[in-house]
Amino acid sequence: MNIIAWVILGLLAGAIAKAIYPGSQGGGILSTMILGIVGAFIGGTLFTLFRTGTLQFTAATLSIPGVLVAIIGSIIAIYLWTLFQRSSRV
């Protein structure tokens, strides 16, 4: 997938995940894009793991199922990021 598709998928999945996830996450458009791209990797890897039973680092594609997988992965990434921030404050 080329870089423009990664940016579009990252923005789309990150923005939707931030809208769905409760609470304030903060950050601007760059953090949303990075969150979406990381979420695409997390979601794609988990989807491949559940579907085939093998651990392969893959990313979701720019399609409707791929965006849904990337959104789920972005929600997981937001959750992990809030856990990391909470533990570093203490």
C-alpha atoms as a PDB file:
ATOM      1  CA  MET A   1       0.000   0.000   0.000  1.00  0.00           C
ATOM      2  CA  ASN A   2       1.467   3.367  -0.914  1.00  0.00           C
ATOM      3  CA  ILE A   3       2.081   6.222   1.515  1.00  0.00           C
ATOM      4  CA  ILE A   4      -1.000   8.229   0.485  1.00  0.00           C
ATOM      5  CA  ALA A   5      -3.245   5.266   1.239  1.00  0.00           C
ATOM      6  CA  TRP A   6      -1.522   4.854   4.631  1.00  0.00           C
ATOM      7  CA  VAL A   7      -2.180   8.512   5.452  1.00  0.00           C
ATOM      8  CA  ILE A   8      -5.823   8.298   4.395  1.00  0.00           C
ATOM      9  CA  LEU A   9      -6.383   5.058   6.311  1.00  0.00           C
ATOM     10  CA  GLY A  10      -4.592   6.488   9.356  1.00  0.00           C
ATOM     11  CA  LEU A  11      -6.629   9.678   9.397  1.00  0.00           C
ATOM     12  CA  LEU A  12      -9.907   7.884   8.845  1.00  0.00           C
ATOM     13  CA  ALA A  13      -9.385   5.092  11.365  1.00  0.00           C
ATOM     14  CA  GLY A  14      -7.776   7.355  13.984  1.00  0.00           C
ATOM     15  CA  ALA A  15     -10.527   9.974  13.775  1.00  0.00           C
ATOM     16  CA  ILE A  16     -13.331   7.421  14.024  1.00  0.00           C
ATOM     17  CA  ALA A  17     -11.608   5.605  16.895  1.00  0.00           C
ATOM     18  CA  LYS A  18     -11.123   8.881  18.793  1.00  0.00           C
ATOM     19  CA  ALA A  19     -14.808   9.696  18.266  1.00  0.00           C
ATOM     20  CA  ILE A  20     -15.912   6.265  19.535  1.00  0.00           C
ATOM     21  CA  TYR A  21     -13.536   5.966  22.507  1.00  0.00           C
ATOM     22  CA  PRO A  22     -14.909   7.683  25.639  1.00  0.00           C
ATOM     23  CA  GLY A  23     -12.990  10.507  27.262  1.00  0.00           C
ATOM     24  CA  SER A  24     -10.587  13.093  25.931  1.00  0.00           C
ATOM     25  CA  GLN A  25      -7.504  11.801  24.139  1.00  0.00           C
ATOM     26  CA  GLY A  26      -6.082  15.158  23.053  1.00  0.00           C
ATOM     27  CA  GLY A  27      -3.546  15.444  20.281  1.00  0.00           C
ATOM     28  CA  GLY A  28      -3.774  16.937  16.848  1.00  0.00           C
ATOM     29  CA  ILE A  29      -4.042  15.636  13.331  1.00  0.00           C
ATOM     30  CA  LEU A  30      -0.543  14.119  13.364  1.00  0.00           C
ATOM     31  CA  SER A  31      -1.215  12.080  16.488  1.00  0.00           C
ATOM     32  CA  THR A  32      -4.541  10.964  15.024  1.00  0.00           C
ATOM     33  CA  MET A  33      -2.801   9.820  11.845  1.00  0.00           C
ATOM     34  CA  ILE A  34      -0.068   7.963  13.744  1.00  0.00           C
ATOM     35  CA  LEU A  35      -2.683   6.389  15.986  1.00  0.00           C
ATOM     36  CA  GLY A  36      -4.623   5.199  12.936  1.00  0.00           C
ATOM     37  CA  ILE A  37      -1.557   3.752  11.229  1.00  0.00           C
ATOM     38  CA  VAL A  38      -0.511   1.936  14.423  1.00  0.00           C
ATOM     39  CA  GLY A  39      -4.112   0.762  14.760  1.00  0.00           C
ATOM     40  CA  ALA A  40      -4.050  -0.581  11.207  1.00  0.00           C
ATOM     41  CA  PHE A  41      -1.012  -2.682  12.093  1.00  0.00           C
ATOM     42  CA  ILE A  42      -2.525  -3.886  15.362  1.00  0.00           C
ATOM     43  CA  GLY A  43      -5.879  -4.683  13.764  1.00  0.00           C
ATOM     44  CA  GLY A  44      -4.360  -6.325  10.694  1.00  0.00           C
ATOM     45  CA  THR A  45      -2.049  -8.470  12.798  1.00  0.00           C
ATOM     46  CA  LEU A  46      -4.837  -9.571  15.154  1.00  0.00           C
ATOM     47  CA  PHE A  47      -7.177 -10.270  12.236  1.00  0.00           C
ATOM     48  CA  THR A  48      -4.535 -12.434  10.552  1.00  0.00           C
ATOM     49  CA  LEU A  49      -3.821 -14.199  13.839  1.00  0.00           C
ATOM     50  CA  PHE A  50      -7.501 -15.031  14.410  1.00  0.00           C
ATOM     51  CA  ARG A  51      -8.128 -16.016  10.795  1.00  0.00           C
ATOM     52  CA  THR A  52      -5.069 -18.170  10.083  1.00  0.00           C
ATOM     53  CA  GLY A  53      -3.615 -18.918  13.508  1.00  0.00           C
ATOM     54  CA  THR A  54      -0.201 -17.532  12.559  1.00  0.00           C
ATOM     55  CA  LEU A  55       1.409 -14.339  13.787  1.00  0.00           C
ATOM     56  CA  GLN A  56       2.245 -12.149  10.793  1.00  0.00           C
ATOM     57  CA  PHE A  57       2.784  -8.413  10.978  1.00  0.00           C
ATOM     58  CA  THR A  58       0.377  -7.120   8.368  1.00  0.00           C
ATOM     59  CA  ALA A  59      -1.673  -3.982   8.067  1.00  0.00           C
ATOM     60  CA  ALA A  60      -5.258  -3.466   7.065  1.00  0.00           C
ATOM     61  CA  THR A  61      -5.970  -2.373   3.510  1.00  0.00           C
ATOM     62  CA  LEU A  62      -7.889   0.646   2.280  1.00  0.00           C
ATOM     63  CA  SER A  63     -11.260  -1.080   1.953  1.00  0.00           C
ATOM     64  CA  ILE A  64     -14.379  -1.180   4.109  1.00  0.00           C
ATOM     65  CA  PRO A  65     -13.352  -4.321   6.041  1.00  0.00           C
ATOM     66  CA  GLY A  66      -9.814  -2.966   6.293  1.00  0.00           C
ATOM     67  CA  VAL A  67     -11.036   0.317   7.736  1.00  0.00           C
ATOM     68  CA  LEU A  68     -13.178  -1.550  10.279  1.00  0.00           C
ATOM     69  CA  VAL A  69     -10.192  -3.651  11.328  1.00  0.00           C
ATOM     70  CA  ALA A  70      -8.050  -0.496  11.539  1.00  0.00           C
ATOM     71  CA  ILE A  71     -10.677   1.224  13.717  1.00  0.00           C
ATOM     72  CA  ILE A  72     -10.721  -1.724  16.122  1.00  0.00           C
ATOM     73  CA  GLY A  73      -6.930  -1.690  16.189  1.00  0.00           C
ATOM     74  CA  SER A  74      -6.942   2.076  16.803  1.00  0.00           C
ATOM     75  CA  ILE A  75      -9.291   1.664  19.750  1.00  0.00           C
ATOM     76  CA  ILE A  76      -6.880  -0.920  21.174  1.00  0.00           C
ATOM     77  CA  ALA A  77      -3.995   1.509  20.551  1.00  0.00           C
ATOM     78  CA  ILE A  78      -5.851   4.319  22.380  1.00  0.00           C
ATOM     79  CA  TYR A  79      -6.500   2.001  25.315  1.00  0.00           C
ATOM     80  CA  LEU A  80      -2.852   0.948  25.486  1.00  0.00           C
ATOM     81  CA  TRP A  81      -1.673   4.550  25.181  1.00  0.00           C
ATOM     82  CA  THR A  82      -3.921   5.691  28.056  1.00  0.00           C
ATOM     83  CA  LEU A  83      -2.614   2.814  30.182  1.00  0.00           C
ATOM     84  CA  PHE A  84       0.952   3.848  29.373  1.00  0.00           C
ATOM     85  CA  GLN A  85       0.283   7.502  30.192  1.00  0.00           C
ATOM     86  CA  ARG A  86      -1.473   6.619  33.445  1.00  0.00           C
ATOM     87  CA  SER A  87       1.397   4.396  34.626  1.00  0.00           C
ATOM     88  CA  SER A  88       4.036   7.000  33.779  1.00  0.00           C
ATOM     89  CA  ARG A  89       2.258   9.689  35.863  1.00  0.00           C
ATOM     90  CA  VAL A  90       2.380   7.654  39.041  1.00  0.00           C
END
